[in-house]
Amino acid sequence: MEYCRGIGETKRAAYSDQDYWARPVPNFGDPNAQALIVGLAPGAHGSNRTGRMFTGDRSGQWLFRVLHEAGSANQPTWEDPSDGLELRNMMITAMGHCAPPGNKPTPDELRNCHDHLSDTFDLLRGLLVVIALGKVAYDGCGREFRRRGWVESLPAFSHGVELDTRGPILLGSYHPSQQNTFTGKLTEPMLRSVFERAATICRARE
């Protein structure tokens, strides 16, 4: 919390004229969603600045463009929380809700926010599929799945991994971070394929 508040005071030069959100970032999306995206944590000058998940940084540019192409967002824009963006049958949350130093939440931060993930699962009564962006989110979702008795063990994380459980299906995807997209570890077709699979699951279980 102190770090994200400090970033909101010092700011980045490019955003010096903006008021930073600089506090925990809430979930964003359809409250009746059947699909849940679980990210890592707010970016210091992205969600921590705008106050909306994946808004204002390159990760969101990729994510919302793909969601729009998949029919899960009404538009592909991602920069401004007042831009009218709405999600359809999709909710976005994160393992951590405060921007962490170096974009790496500590184990304590993840533990402190885990109840929020659990509460999100409870609120989405019709949840059919969870898309974990990155290994940290995948492992965190796996712990919650085991706690709920939905699964006994978790296969190793990989892009496109799919786990059928006694609850929602769990899908894994590389995170659309700049490190992954700039190096080609994650391509747009790779990311799109995961969300197309999520849409197929929702349609099949309706």
N, C-alpha and C. Protein backbone atom coordinates (compact mmCIF):
# COMPACT_ATOMS: atom_id res chain seq x y z
N MET A 1 0.83 -1.21 0.00
CA MET A 1 0.00 0.00 0.00
C MET A 1 0.87 1.27 0.00
N GLU A 2 1.93 1.28 0.82
CA GLU A 2 2.79 2.45 0.89
C GLU A 2 3.46 2.72 -0.45
N TYR A 3 3.87 1.63 -1.13
CA TYR A 3 4.55 1.79 -2.41
C TYR A 3 3.61 2.42 -3.45
N CYS A 4 2.39 1.89 -3.58
CA CYS A 4 1.49 2.42 -4.60
C CYS A 4 1.09 3.86 -4.29
N ARG A 5 0.98 4.20 -3.00
CA ARG A 5 0.70 5.59 -2.64
C ARG A 5 1.88 6.50 -3.00
N GLY A 6 3.09 6.00 -2.74
CA GLY A 6 4.28 6.79 -3.07
C GLY A 6 4.40 7.05 -4.56
N ILE A 7 4.10 6.04 -5.37
CA ILE A 7 4.13 6.21 -6.83
C ILE A 7 3.11 7.27 -7.24
N GLY A 8 1.97 7.28 -6.59
CA GLY A 8 0.94 8.26 -6.90
C GLY A 8 1.35 9.68 -6.57
N GLU A 9 2.32 9.83 -5.68
CA GLU A 9 2.80 11.16 -5.32
C GLU A 9 3.96 11.60 -6.22
N THR A 10 4.88 10.68 -6.50
CA THR A 10 6.03 11.05 -7.34
C THR A 10 5.66 11.08 -8.82
N LYS A 11 4.82 10.13 -9.27
CA LYS A 11 4.31 10.03 -10.63
C LYS A 11 5.43 9.83 -11.66
N ARG A 12 5.05 9.49 -12.84
CA ARG A 12 5.95 9.44 -13.99
C ARG A 12 5.79 10.76 -14.75
N ALA A 13 6.88 11.25 -15.31
CA ALA A 13 6.84 12.56 -15.96
C ALA A 13 5.73 12.67 -16.99
N ALA A 14 5.50 11.59 -17.74
CA ALA A 14 4.48 11.63 -18.80
C ALA A 14 3.07 11.81 -18.24
N TYR A 15 2.89 11.48 -16.95
CA TYR A 15 1.56 11.56 -16.34
C TYR A 15 1.54 12.56 -15.19
N SER A 16 2.45 13.51 -15.20
CA SER A 16 2.58 14.43 -14.07
C SER A 16 1.35 15.29 -13.84
N ASP A 17 0.53 15.46 -14.89
CA ASP A 17 -0.67 16.29 -14.76
C ASP A 17 -1.91 15.48 -14.37
N GLN A 18 -1.72 14.17 -14.11
CA GLN A 18 -2.85 13.31 -13.78
C GLN A 18 -2.89 12.97 -12.29
N ASP A 19 -4.10 12.76 -11.79
CA ASP A 19 -4.27 12.28 -10.42
C ASP A 19 -4.24 10.76 -10.44
N TYR A 20 -3.29 10.18 -9.71
CA TYR A 20 -3.18 8.72 -9.64
C TYR A 20 -4.22 8.14 -8.70
N TRP A 21 -4.72 6.97 -9.04
CA TRP A 21 -5.63 6.22 -8.16
C TRP A 21 -4.90 5.87 -6.87
N ALA A 22 -3.76 5.21 -6.98
CA ALA A 22 -2.81 4.97 -5.88
C ALA A 22 -3.41 4.32 -4.64
N ARG A 23 -4.26 3.31 -4.85
CA ARG A 23 -4.82 2.50 -3.77
C ARG A 23 -5.25 1.16 -4.37
N PRO A 24 -5.77 0.24 -3.57
CA PRO A 24 -6.15 -1.06 -4.15
C PRO A 24 -7.09 -0.91 -5.34
N VAL A 25 -6.82 -1.65 -6.40
CA VAL A 25 -7.62 -1.58 -7.63
C VAL A 25 -8.71 -2.65 -7.56
N PRO A 26 -9.97 -2.26 -7.73
CA PRO A 26 -11.06 -3.24 -7.63
C PRO A 26 -11.18 -4.11 -8.88
N ASN A 27 -11.98 -5.16 -8.76
CA ASN A 27 -12.31 -5.99 -9.92
C ASN A 27 -13.00 -5.14 -10.98
N PHE A 28 -12.95 -5.63 -12.22
CA PHE A 28 -13.62 -4.92 -13.31
C PHE A 28 -14.31 -5.93 -14.21
N GLY A 29 -15.57 -5.65 -14.57
CA GLY A 29 -16.25 -6.51 -15.52
C GLY A 29 -17.69 -6.78 -15.18
N ASP A 30 -18.20 -7.84 -15.75
CA ASP A 30 -19.60 -8.24 -15.63
C ASP A 30 -19.81 -8.97 -14.30
N PRO A 31 -20.66 -8.46 -13.41
CA PRO A 31 -20.87 -9.11 -12.10
C PRO A 31 -21.55 -10.47 -12.20
N ASN A 32 -22.11 -10.79 -13.38
CA ASN A 32 -22.73 -12.10 -13.59
C ASN A 32 -21.90 -12.97 -14.53
N ALA A 33 -20.62 -12.68 -14.61
CA ALA A 33 -19.74 -13.36 -15.57
C ALA A 33 -19.63 -14.85 -15.30
N GLN A 34 -19.48 -15.61 -16.38
CA GLN A 34 -19.18 -17.03 -16.29
C GLN A 34 -17.68 -17.29 -16.44
N ALA A 35 -16.93 -16.27 -16.85
CA ALA A 35 -15.49 -16.40 -17.05
C ALA A 35 -14.75 -15.35 -16.21
N LEU A 36 -13.68 -15.79 -15.56
CA LEU A 36 -12.89 -14.91 -14.70
C LEU A 36 -11.44 -14.92 -15.15
N ILE A 37 -10.89 -13.73 -15.39
CA ILE A 37 -9.47 -13.56 -15.68
C ILE A 37 -8.76 -13.19 -14.38
N VAL A 38 -7.67 -13.89 -14.08
CA VAL A 38 -6.88 -13.58 -12.88
C VAL A 38 -5.49 -13.14 -13.32
N GLY A 39 -5.17 -11.88 -13.09
CA GLY A 39 -3.87 -11.34 -13.43
C GLY A 39 -2.92 -11.38 -12.24
N LEU A 40 -1.83 -10.63 -12.34
CA LEU A 40 -0.82 -10.63 -11.28
C LEU A 40 -1.08 -9.51 -10.28
N ALA A 41 -0.88 -8.26 -10.70
CA ALA A 41 -1.05 -7.11 -9.81
C ALA A 41 -1.07 -5.85 -10.66
N PRO A 42 -1.60 -4.75 -10.14
CA PRO A 42 -1.62 -3.50 -10.90
C PRO A 42 -0.22 -3.01 -11.25
N GLY A 43 -0.07 -2.45 -12.46
CA GLY A 43 1.18 -1.81 -12.83
C GLY A 43 1.30 -0.46 -12.15
N ALA A 44 2.50 -0.07 -11.79
CA ALA A 44 2.71 1.16 -11.04
C ALA A 44 2.13 2.38 -11.75
N HIS A 45 2.30 2.45 -13.08
CA HIS A 45 1.81 3.60 -13.83
C HIS A 45 0.67 3.21 -14.78
N GLY A 46 0.14 1.99 -14.61
CA GLY A 46 -1.00 1.53 -15.38
C GLY A 46 -2.24 1.58 -14.51
N SER A 47 -2.64 0.41 -13.97
CA SER A 47 -3.84 0.35 -13.13
C SER A 47 -3.71 1.20 -11.87
N ASN A 48 -2.51 1.30 -11.32
CA ASN A 48 -2.31 2.12 -10.13
C ASN A 48 -2.57 3.60 -10.43
N ARG A 49 -2.42 3.96 -11.69
CA ARG A 49 -2.70 5.34 -12.12
C ARG A 49 -4.18 5.52 -12.46
N THR A 50 -4.74 4.56 -13.21
CA THR A 50 -6.09 4.74 -13.74
C THR A 50 -7.20 4.20 -12.84
N GLY A 51 -6.86 3.22 -11.99
CA GLY A 51 -7.86 2.65 -11.10
C GLY A 51 -8.73 1.59 -11.73
N ARG A 52 -8.36 1.11 -12.93
CA ARG A 52 -9.11 0.03 -13.57
C ARG A 52 -8.15 -1.06 -14.02
N MET A 53 -8.50 -2.29 -13.78
CA MET A 53 -7.64 -3.42 -14.10
C MET A 53 -7.15 -3.36 -15.56
N PHE A 54 -5.85 -3.57 -15.74
CA PHE A 54 -5.21 -3.65 -17.06
C PHE A 54 -5.43 -2.40 -17.91
N THR A 55 -5.66 -1.28 -17.28
CA THR A 55 -5.93 -0.04 -18.02
C THR A 55 -4.76 0.92 -17.90
N GLY A 56 -4.25 1.35 -19.06
CA GLY A 56 -3.19 2.34 -19.08
C GLY A 56 -1.79 1.79 -19.28
N ASP A 57 -1.66 0.49 -19.59
CA ASP A 57 -0.33 -0.05 -19.88
C ASP A 57 -0.42 -1.02 -21.06
N ARG A 58 0.74 -1.49 -21.54
CA ARG A 58 0.79 -2.31 -22.75
C ARG A 58 0.11 -3.67 -22.56
N SER A 59 0.14 -4.20 -21.36
CA SER A 59 -0.53 -5.48 -21.11
C SER A 59 -2.02 -5.38 -21.43
N GLY A 60 -2.63 -4.29 -20.99
CA GLY A 60 -4.04 -4.08 -21.25
C GLY A 60 -4.34 -3.86 -22.72
N GLN A 61 -3.42 -3.22 -23.43
CA GLN A 61 -3.61 -3.01 -24.86
C GLN A 61 -3.81 -4.35 -25.57
N TRP A 62 -2.96 -5.31 -25.23
CA TRP A 62 -3.08 -6.66 -25.80
C TRP A 62 -4.36 -7.34 -25.33
N LEU A 63 -4.59 -7.32 -24.02
CA LEU A 63 -5.70 -8.07 -23.45
C LEU A 63 -7.04 -7.58 -23.98
N PHE A 64 -7.28 -6.27 -23.95
CA PHE A 64 -8.59 -5.77 -24.34
C PHE A 64 -8.82 -5.89 -25.84
N ARG A 65 -7.76 -5.81 -26.62
CA ARG A 65 -7.92 -6.01 -28.06
C ARG A 65 -8.38 -7.44 -28.34
N VAL A 66 -7.76 -8.41 -27.66
CA VAL A 66 -8.14 -9.80 -27.84
C VAL A 66 -9.55 -10.06 -27.31
N LEU A 67 -9.90 -9.48 -26.18
CA LEU A 67 -11.25 -9.65 -25.64
C LEU A 67 -12.30 -9.07 -26.59
N HIS A 68 -11.98 -7.95 -27.20
CA HIS A 68 -12.90 -7.35 -28.16
C HIS A 68 -13.08 -8.27 -29.37
N GLU A 69 -11.99 -8.82 -29.86
CA GLU A 69 -12.07 -9.73 -31.01
C GLU A 69 -12.86 -10.99 -30.66
N ALA A 70 -12.80 -11.40 -29.40
CA ALA A 70 -13.51 -12.61 -28.96
C ALA A 70 -14.97 -12.32 -28.60
N GLY A 71 -15.39 -11.06 -28.68
CA GLY A 71 -16.76 -10.70 -28.35
C GLY A 71 -17.01 -10.49 -26.87
N SER A 72 -15.94 -10.42 -26.08
CA SER A 72 -16.09 -10.27 -24.63
C SER A 72 -15.94 -8.82 -24.16
N ALA A 73 -15.65 -7.89 -25.08
CA ALA A 73 -15.55 -6.48 -24.76
C ALA A 73 -16.22 -5.68 -25.87
N ASN A 74 -16.86 -4.58 -25.52
CA ASN A 74 -17.59 -3.79 -26.52
C ASN A 74 -16.68 -2.92 -27.38
N GLN A 75 -15.41 -2.79 -26.98
CA GLN A 75 -14.46 -1.97 -27.74
C GLN A 75 -13.05 -2.40 -27.36
N PRO A 76 -12.05 -2.08 -28.19
CA PRO A 76 -10.68 -2.52 -27.91
C PRO A 76 -9.85 -1.52 -27.13
N THR A 77 -10.40 -0.36 -26.78
CA THR A 77 -9.61 0.67 -26.11
C THR A 77 -9.30 0.27 -24.67
N TRP A 78 -8.26 0.88 -24.12
CA TRP A 78 -7.80 0.43 -22.81
C TRP A 78 -7.15 1.52 -21.97
N GLU A 79 -7.05 2.73 -22.44
CA GLU A 79 -6.20 3.74 -21.82
C GLU A 79 -6.88 4.54 -20.70
N ASP A 80 -8.18 4.78 -20.82
CA ASP A 80 -8.87 5.70 -19.91
C ASP A 80 -10.08 5.01 -19.29
N PRO A 81 -10.21 5.01 -17.97
CA PRO A 81 -11.33 4.32 -17.33
C PRO A 81 -12.69 4.94 -17.63
N SER A 82 -12.72 6.12 -18.25
CA SER A 82 -14.00 6.74 -18.61
C SER A 82 -14.30 6.56 -20.10
N ASP A 83 -13.65 5.58 -20.73
CA ASP A 83 -13.78 5.42 -22.18
C ASP A 83 -15.00 4.62 -22.61
N GLY A 84 -15.81 4.14 -21.67
CA GLY A 84 -17.01 3.40 -22.01
C GLY A 84 -16.80 1.90 -22.21
N LEU A 85 -15.62 1.42 -21.91
CA LEU A 85 -15.33 -0.01 -22.07
C LEU A 85 -16.21 -0.84 -21.13
N GLU A 86 -16.84 -1.88 -21.69
CA GLU A 86 -17.63 -2.82 -20.91
C GLU A 86 -17.26 -4.24 -21.29
N LEU A 87 -17.25 -5.13 -20.33
CA LEU A 87 -16.98 -6.54 -20.59
C LEU A 87 -18.28 -7.32 -20.59
N ARG A 88 -18.32 -8.35 -21.43
CA ARG A 88 -19.49 -9.20 -21.54
C ARG A 88 -19.15 -10.60 -21.05
N ASN A 89 -19.83 -11.04 -20.02
CA ASN A 89 -19.65 -12.39 -19.46
C ASN A 89 -18.21 -12.63 -19.00
N MET A 90 -17.52 -11.57 -18.62
CA MET A 90 -16.11 -11.66 -18.23
C MET A 90 -15.85 -10.72 -17.07
N MET A 91 -15.10 -11.20 -16.07
CA MET A 91 -14.66 -10.39 -14.95
C MET A 91 -13.14 -10.47 -14.87
N ILE A 92 -12.51 -9.38 -14.45
CA ILE A 92 -11.05 -9.37 -14.27
C ILE A 92 -10.73 -9.07 -12.82
N THR A 93 -9.87 -9.90 -12.23
CA THR A 93 -9.35 -9.67 -10.90
C THR A 93 -7.83 -9.88 -10.95
N ALA A 94 -7.18 -9.89 -9.81
CA ALA A 94 -5.73 -10.08 -9.77
C ALA A 94 -5.33 -10.74 -8.45
N MET A 95 -4.15 -11.33 -8.45
CA MET A 95 -3.63 -11.95 -7.22
C MET A 95 -3.31 -10.89 -6.18
N GLY A 96 -2.83 -9.74 -6.62
CA GLY A 96 -2.57 -8.62 -5.74
C GLY A 96 -3.33 -7.41 -6.25
N HIS A 97 -3.81 -6.57 -5.35
CA HIS A 97 -4.61 -5.42 -5.77
C HIS A 97 -3.91 -4.09 -5.57
N CYS A 98 -2.72 -4.10 -5.00
CA CYS A 98 -1.91 -2.89 -4.87
C CYS A 98 -0.64 -3.07 -5.72
N ALA A 99 -0.22 -2.01 -6.38
CA ALA A 99 0.98 -2.07 -7.21
C ALA A 99 2.19 -2.41 -6.35
N PRO A 100 2.93 -3.49 -6.68
CA PRO A 100 4.10 -3.87 -5.89
C PRO A 100 5.40 -3.36 -6.52
N PRO A 101 6.44 -3.19 -5.73
CA PRO A 101 7.75 -2.82 -6.31
C PRO A 101 8.21 -3.85 -7.32
N GLY A 102 8.67 -3.38 -8.48
CA GLY A 102 9.20 -4.27 -9.49
C GLY A 102 8.16 -5.19 -10.11
N ASN A 103 6.88 -4.86 -9.94
CA ASN A 103 5.79 -5.69 -10.47
C ASN A 103 5.82 -7.13 -9.93
N LYS A 104 6.38 -7.31 -8.74
CA LYS A 104 6.49 -8.65 -8.16
C LYS A 104 5.92 -8.64 -6.74
N PRO A 105 4.67 -9.08 -6.57
CA PRO A 105 4.11 -9.13 -5.22
C PRO A 105 4.89 -10.10 -4.33
N THR A 106 5.08 -9.74 -3.09
CA THR A 106 5.75 -10.63 -2.15
C THR A 106 4.77 -11.71 -1.69
N PRO A 107 5.28 -12.82 -1.13
CA PRO A 107 4.39 -13.85 -0.59
C PRO A 107 3.39 -13.30 0.42
N ASP A 108 3.83 -12.35 1.25
CA ASP A 108 2.92 -11.75 2.22
C ASP A 108 1.80 -10.98 1.53
N GLU A 109 2.14 -10.24 0.48
CA GLU A 109 1.12 -9.48 -0.26
C GLU A 109 0.11 -10.42 -0.90
N LEU A 110 0.59 -11.52 -1.44
CA LEU A 110 -0.31 -12.49 -2.07
C LEU A 110 -1.24 -13.12 -1.04
N ARG A 111 -0.69 -13.44 0.13
CA ARG A 111 -1.53 -14.00 1.20
C ARG A 111 -2.58 -12.99 1.65
N ASN A 112 -2.18 -11.73 1.77
CA ASN A 112 -3.11 -10.70 2.23
C ASN A 112 -4.28 -10.51 1.27
N CYS A 113 -4.04 -10.73 -0.02
CA CYS A 113 -5.09 -10.51 -1.02
C CYS A 113 -5.85 -11.78 -1.38
N HIS A 114 -5.43 -12.93 -0.85
CA HIS A 114 -6.04 -14.18 -1.29
C HIS A 114 -7.53 -14.25 -0.93
N ASP A 115 -7.93 -13.68 0.20
CA ASP A 115 -9.34 -13.70 0.56
C ASP A 115 -10.18 -12.98 -0.48
N HIS A 116 -9.61 -11.97 -1.12
CA HIS A 116 -10.35 -11.25 -2.16
C HIS A 116 -10.59 -12.15 -3.36
N LEU A 117 -9.60 -12.98 -3.71
CA LEU A 117 -9.79 -13.94 -4.79
C LEU A 117 -10.88 -14.93 -4.44
N SER A 118 -10.85 -15.43 -3.23
CA SER A 118 -11.86 -16.38 -2.77
C SER A 118 -13.25 -15.75 -2.79
N ASP A 119 -13.35 -14.50 -2.34
CA ASP A 119 -14.64 -13.81 -2.35
C ASP A 119 -15.16 -13.62 -3.78
N THR A 120 -14.23 -13.37 -4.71
CA THR A 120 -14.63 -13.20 -6.11
C THR A 120 -15.22 -14.49 -6.65
N PHE A 121 -14.61 -15.62 -6.31
CA PHE A 121 -15.17 -16.92 -6.72
C PHE A 121 -16.59 -17.09 -6.18
N ASP A 122 -16.79 -16.69 -4.93
CA ASP A 122 -18.11 -16.84 -4.31
C ASP A 122 -19.15 -15.94 -4.99
N LEU A 123 -18.75 -14.75 -5.38
CA LEU A 123 -19.69 -13.80 -5.97
C LEU A 123 -20.13 -14.22 -7.37
N LEU A 124 -19.26 -14.90 -8.10
CA LEU A 124 -19.60 -15.32 -9.46
C LEU A 124 -20.27 -16.69 -9.39
N ARG A 125 -21.56 -16.69 -9.15
CA ARG A 125 -22.31 -17.93 -8.90
C ARG A 125 -22.30 -18.87 -10.09
N GLY A 126 -22.26 -18.30 -11.29
CA GLY A 126 -22.30 -19.14 -12.50
C GLY A 126 -20.95 -19.36 -13.13
N LEU A 127 -19.88 -19.26 -12.34
CA LEU A 127 -18.52 -19.34 -12.88
C LEU A 127 -18.25 -20.69 -13.54
N LEU A 128 -17.81 -20.64 -14.80
CA LEU A 128 -17.54 -21.85 -15.57
C LEU A 128 -16.08 -22.03 -15.93
N VAL A 129 -15.34 -20.92 -16.05
CA VAL A 129 -13.94 -21.03 -16.47
C VAL A 129 -13.12 -19.90 -15.85
N VAL A 130 -11.92 -20.24 -15.41
CA VAL A 130 -10.97 -19.28 -14.84
C VAL A 130 -9.74 -19.27 -15.73
N ILE A 131 -9.33 -18.08 -16.18
CA ILE A 131 -8.14 -17.93 -17.02
C ILE A 131 -7.05 -17.27 -16.19
N ALA A 132 -6.01 -18.02 -15.87
CA ALA A 132 -4.91 -17.52 -15.05
C ALA A 132 -3.80 -17.00 -15.95
N LEU A 133 -3.48 -15.71 -15.82
CA LEU A 133 -2.44 -15.10 -16.64
C LEU A 133 -1.11 -15.16 -15.91
N GLY A 134 -0.30 -16.14 -16.26
CA GLY A 134 1.01 -16.29 -15.65
C GLY A 134 1.04 -17.34 -14.55
N LYS A 135 2.24 -17.78 -14.20
CA LYS A 135 2.42 -18.87 -13.24
C LYS A 135 1.95 -18.50 -11.84
N VAL A 136 2.20 -17.26 -11.41
CA VAL A 136 1.79 -16.86 -10.07
C VAL A 136 0.27 -16.95 -9.93
N ALA A 137 -0.44 -16.45 -10.93
CA ALA A 137 -1.90 -16.53 -10.91
C ALA A 137 -2.37 -17.98 -11.00
N TYR A 138 -1.72 -18.77 -11.83
CA TYR A 138 -2.08 -20.18 -12.00
C TYR A 138 -1.91 -20.94 -10.68
N ASP A 139 -0.76 -20.74 -10.03
CA ASP A 139 -0.53 -21.42 -8.75
C ASP A 139 -1.50 -20.94 -7.67
N GLY A 140 -1.79 -19.63 -7.66
CA GLY A 140 -2.72 -19.09 -6.67
C GLY A 140 -4.13 -19.62 -6.87
N CYS A 141 -4.55 -19.70 -8.13
CA CYS A 141 -5.87 -20.29 -8.42
C CYS A 141 -5.89 -21.76 -8.04
N GLY A 142 -4.78 -22.44 -8.31
CA GLY A 142 -4.70 -23.86 -7.95
C GLY A 142 -4.86 -24.09 -6.47
N ARG A 143 -4.26 -23.22 -5.64
CA ARG A 143 -4.41 -23.35 -4.19
C ARG A 143 -5.87 -23.17 -3.79
N GLU A 144 -6.56 -22.22 -4.42
CA GLU A 144 -7.96 -22.00 -4.09
C GLU A 144 -8.83 -23.16 -4.59
N PHE A 145 -8.51 -23.70 -5.74
CA PHE A 145 -9.25 -24.86 -6.25
C PHE A 145 -9.09 -26.05 -5.30
N ARG A 146 -7.87 -26.26 -4.81
CA ARG A 146 -7.65 -27.37 -3.88
C ARG A 146 -8.38 -27.13 -2.56
N ARG A 147 -8.36 -25.90 -2.07
CA ARG A 147 -9.04 -25.58 -0.82
C ARG A 147 -10.53 -25.88 -0.91
N ARG A 148 -11.11 -25.65 -2.09
CA ARG A 148 -12.53 -25.87 -2.29
C ARG A 148 -12.86 -27.32 -2.64
N GLY A 149 -11.84 -28.14 -2.77
CA GLY A 149 -12.08 -29.54 -3.10
C GLY A 149 -12.42 -29.77 -4.56
N TRP A 150 -12.08 -28.81 -5.41
CA TRP A 150 -12.38 -28.95 -6.84
C TRP A 150 -11.34 -29.80 -7.55
N VAL A 151 -10.15 -29.92 -6.96
CA VAL A 151 -9.06 -30.66 -7.60
C VAL A 151 -8.08 -31.10 -6.52
N GLU A 152 -7.40 -32.21 -6.76
CA GLU A 152 -6.41 -32.70 -5.80
C GLU A 152 -4.99 -32.23 -6.15
N SER A 153 -4.68 -32.20 -7.42
CA SER A 153 -3.33 -31.81 -7.84
C SER A 153 -3.43 -30.92 -9.07
N LEU A 154 -2.33 -30.26 -9.36
CA LEU A 154 -2.29 -29.27 -10.43
C LEU A 154 -1.16 -29.62 -11.39
N PRO A 155 -1.45 -29.73 -12.70
CA PRO A 155 -0.36 -29.96 -13.65
C PRO A 155 0.55 -28.73 -13.71
N ALA A 156 1.76 -28.92 -14.18
CA ALA A 156 2.70 -27.81 -14.29
C ALA A 156 2.15 -26.72 -15.20
N PHE A 157 2.47 -25.49 -14.87
CA PHE A 157 2.00 -24.36 -15.67
C PHE A 157 2.64 -24.36 -17.05
N SER A 158 1.82 -24.10 -18.05
CA SER A 158 2.30 -23.87 -19.42
C SER A 158 1.23 -23.10 -20.15
N HIS A 159 1.58 -22.47 -21.23
CA HIS A 159 0.58 -21.74 -21.99
C HIS A 159 -0.41 -22.72 -22.60
N GLY A 160 -1.70 -22.47 -22.37
CA GLY A 160 -2.74 -23.33 -22.92
C GLY A 160 -3.08 -24.52 -22.07
N VAL A 161 -2.43 -24.69 -20.90
CA VAL A 161 -2.76 -25.82 -20.03
C VAL A 161 -4.24 -25.72 -19.63
N GLU A 162 -4.91 -26.84 -19.56
CA GLU A 162 -6.33 -26.88 -19.23
C GLU A 162 -6.59 -27.96 -18.20
N LEU A 163 -7.31 -27.61 -17.16
CA LEU A 163 -7.60 -28.55 -16.09
C LEU A 163 -9.11 -28.61 -15.86
N ASP A 164 -9.69 -29.77 -16.10
CA ASP A 164 -11.11 -29.99 -15.83
C ASP A 164 -11.24 -30.38 -14.36
N THR A 165 -12.12 -29.73 -13.64
CA THR A 165 -12.23 -29.93 -12.20
C THR A 165 -13.69 -30.17 -11.81
N ARG A 166 -13.91 -30.33 -10.51
CA ARG A 166 -15.28 -30.45 -10.01
C ARG A 166 -15.95 -29.08 -9.91
N GLY A 167 -15.20 -28.04 -10.22
CA GLY A 167 -15.74 -26.69 -10.29
C GLY A 167 -15.51 -26.13 -11.68
N PRO A 168 -15.08 -24.89 -11.80
CA PRO A 168 -14.79 -24.30 -13.11
C PRO A 168 -13.57 -24.97 -13.76
N ILE A 169 -13.50 -24.90 -15.06
CA ILE A 169 -12.29 -25.31 -15.78
C ILE A 169 -11.23 -24.24 -15.58
N LEU A 170 -9.99 -24.65 -15.36
CA LEU A 170 -8.89 -23.73 -15.18
C LEU A 170 -8.01 -23.74 -16.42
N LEU A 171 -7.82 -22.57 -17.01
CA LEU A 171 -6.94 -22.41 -18.17
C LEU A 171 -5.74 -21.56 -17.78
N GLY A 172 -4.58 -21.90 -18.32
CA GLY A 172 -3.37 -21.12 -18.08
C GLY A 172 -2.92 -20.43 -19.35
N SER A 173 -2.45 -19.21 -19.20
CA SER A 173 -1.91 -18.44 -20.33
C SER A 173 -0.70 -17.66 -19.86
N TYR A 174 0.27 -17.49 -20.76
CA TYR A 174 1.33 -16.55 -20.46
C TYR A 174 0.71 -15.17 -20.24
N HIS A 175 1.29 -14.41 -19.33
CA HIS A 175 0.81 -13.06 -19.05
C HIS A 175 1.20 -12.15 -20.22
N PRO A 176 0.28 -11.25 -20.65
CA PRO A 176 0.62 -10.34 -21.75
C PRO A 176 1.49 -9.17 -21.30
N SER A 177 2.54 -9.47 -20.55
CA SER A 177 3.49 -8.46 -20.11
C SER A 177 4.38 -8.05 -21.27
N GLN A 178 4.99 -6.88 -21.16
CA GLN A 178 5.91 -6.44 -22.21
C GLN A 178 7.05 -7.42 -22.39
N GLN A 179 7.52 -7.99 -21.30
CA GLN A 179 8.62 -8.96 -21.39
C GLN A 179 8.23 -10.14 -22.28
N ASN A 180 7.00 -10.62 -22.14
CA ASN A 180 6.57 -11.77 -22.93
C ASN A 180 6.20 -11.39 -24.36
N THR A 181 5.54 -10.24 -24.54
CA THR A 181 5.10 -9.87 -25.89
C THR A 181 6.24 -9.32 -26.74
N PHE A 182 7.16 -8.57 -26.15
CA PHE A 182 8.28 -8.02 -26.91
C PHE A 182 9.25 -9.10 -27.36
N THR A 183 9.38 -10.14 -26.56
CA THR A 183 10.33 -11.22 -26.90
C THR A 183 9.70 -12.28 -27.80
N GLY A 184 8.37 -12.22 -27.98
CA GLY A 184 7.70 -13.21 -28.80
C GLY A 184 7.33 -14.47 -28.05
N LYS A 185 7.58 -14.50 -26.74
CA LYS A 185 7.17 -15.67 -25.95
C LYS A 185 5.66 -15.83 -26.03
N LEU A 186 4.94 -14.70 -26.03
CA LEU A 186 3.49 -14.71 -26.20
C LEU A 186 3.16 -13.90 -27.44
N THR A 187 2.43 -14.51 -28.36
CA THR A 187 1.94 -13.81 -29.55
C THR A 187 0.44 -13.57 -29.41
N GLU A 188 -0.07 -12.67 -30.23
CA GLU A 188 -1.50 -12.39 -30.15
C GLU A 188 -2.35 -13.62 -30.49
N PRO A 189 -1.99 -14.39 -31.52
CA PRO A 189 -2.77 -15.61 -31.78
C PRO A 189 -2.75 -16.59 -30.61
N MET A 190 -1.63 -16.68 -29.89
CA MET A 190 -1.56 -17.55 -28.72
C MET A 190 -2.54 -17.10 -27.64
N LEU A 191 -2.56 -15.80 -27.39
CA LEU A 191 -3.46 -15.26 -26.37
C LEU A 191 -4.92 -15.42 -26.82
N ARG A 192 -5.16 -15.14 -28.08
CA ARG A 192 -6.52 -15.26 -28.62
C ARG A 192 -7.05 -16.68 -28.48
N SER A 193 -6.18 -17.66 -28.71
CA SER A 193 -6.63 -19.05 -28.66
C SER A 193 -7.15 -19.43 -27.27
N VAL A 194 -6.55 -18.88 -26.22
CA VAL A 194 -7.00 -19.18 -24.86
C VAL A 194 -8.40 -18.62 -24.62
N PHE A 195 -8.64 -17.40 -25.10
CA PHE A 195 -9.95 -16.80 -24.87
C PHE A 195 -11.01 -17.38 -25.80
N GLU A 196 -10.61 -17.84 -26.94
CA GLU A 196 -11.56 -18.57 -27.79
C GLU A 196 -11.96 -19.88 -27.11
N ARG A 197 -10.99 -20.53 -26.47
CA ARG A 197 -11.29 -21.76 -25.74
C ARG A 197 -12.22 -21.47 -24.57
N ALA A 198 -11.99 -20.37 -23.86
CA ALA A 198 -12.87 -20.00 -22.74
C ALA A 198 -14.30 -19.76 -23.23
N ALA A 199 -14.43 -19.08 -24.36
CA ALA A 199 -15.77 -18.83 -24.91
C ALA A 199 -16.46 -20.14 -25.30
N THR A 200 -15.68 -21.07 -25.85
CA THR A 200 -16.24 -22.37 -26.23
C THR A 200 -16.75 -23.12 -25.01
N ILE A 201 -15.98 -23.08 -23.92
CA ILE A 201 -16.39 -23.74 -22.68
C ILE A 201 -17.70 -23.17 -22.17
N CYS A 202 -17.81 -21.84 -22.18
CA CYS A 202 -19.04 -21.21 -21.68
C CYS A 202 -20.24 -21.58 -22.54
N ARG A 203 -20.05 -21.60 -23.84
CA ARG A 203 -21.17 -21.96 -24.72
C ARG A 203 -21.59 -23.43 -24.50
N ALA A 204 -20.59 -24.30 -24.31
CA ALA A 204 -20.88 -25.74 -24.18
C ALA A 204 -21.60 -26.05 -22.87
N ARG A 205 -21.40 -25.22 -21.85
CA ARG A 205 -21.98 -25.50 -20.54
C ARG A 205 -23.25 -24.73 -20.25
N GLU A 206 -23.70 -23.94 -21.21
CA GLU A 206 -24.92 -23.16 -21.00
C GLU A 206 -26.15 -24.07 -20.90
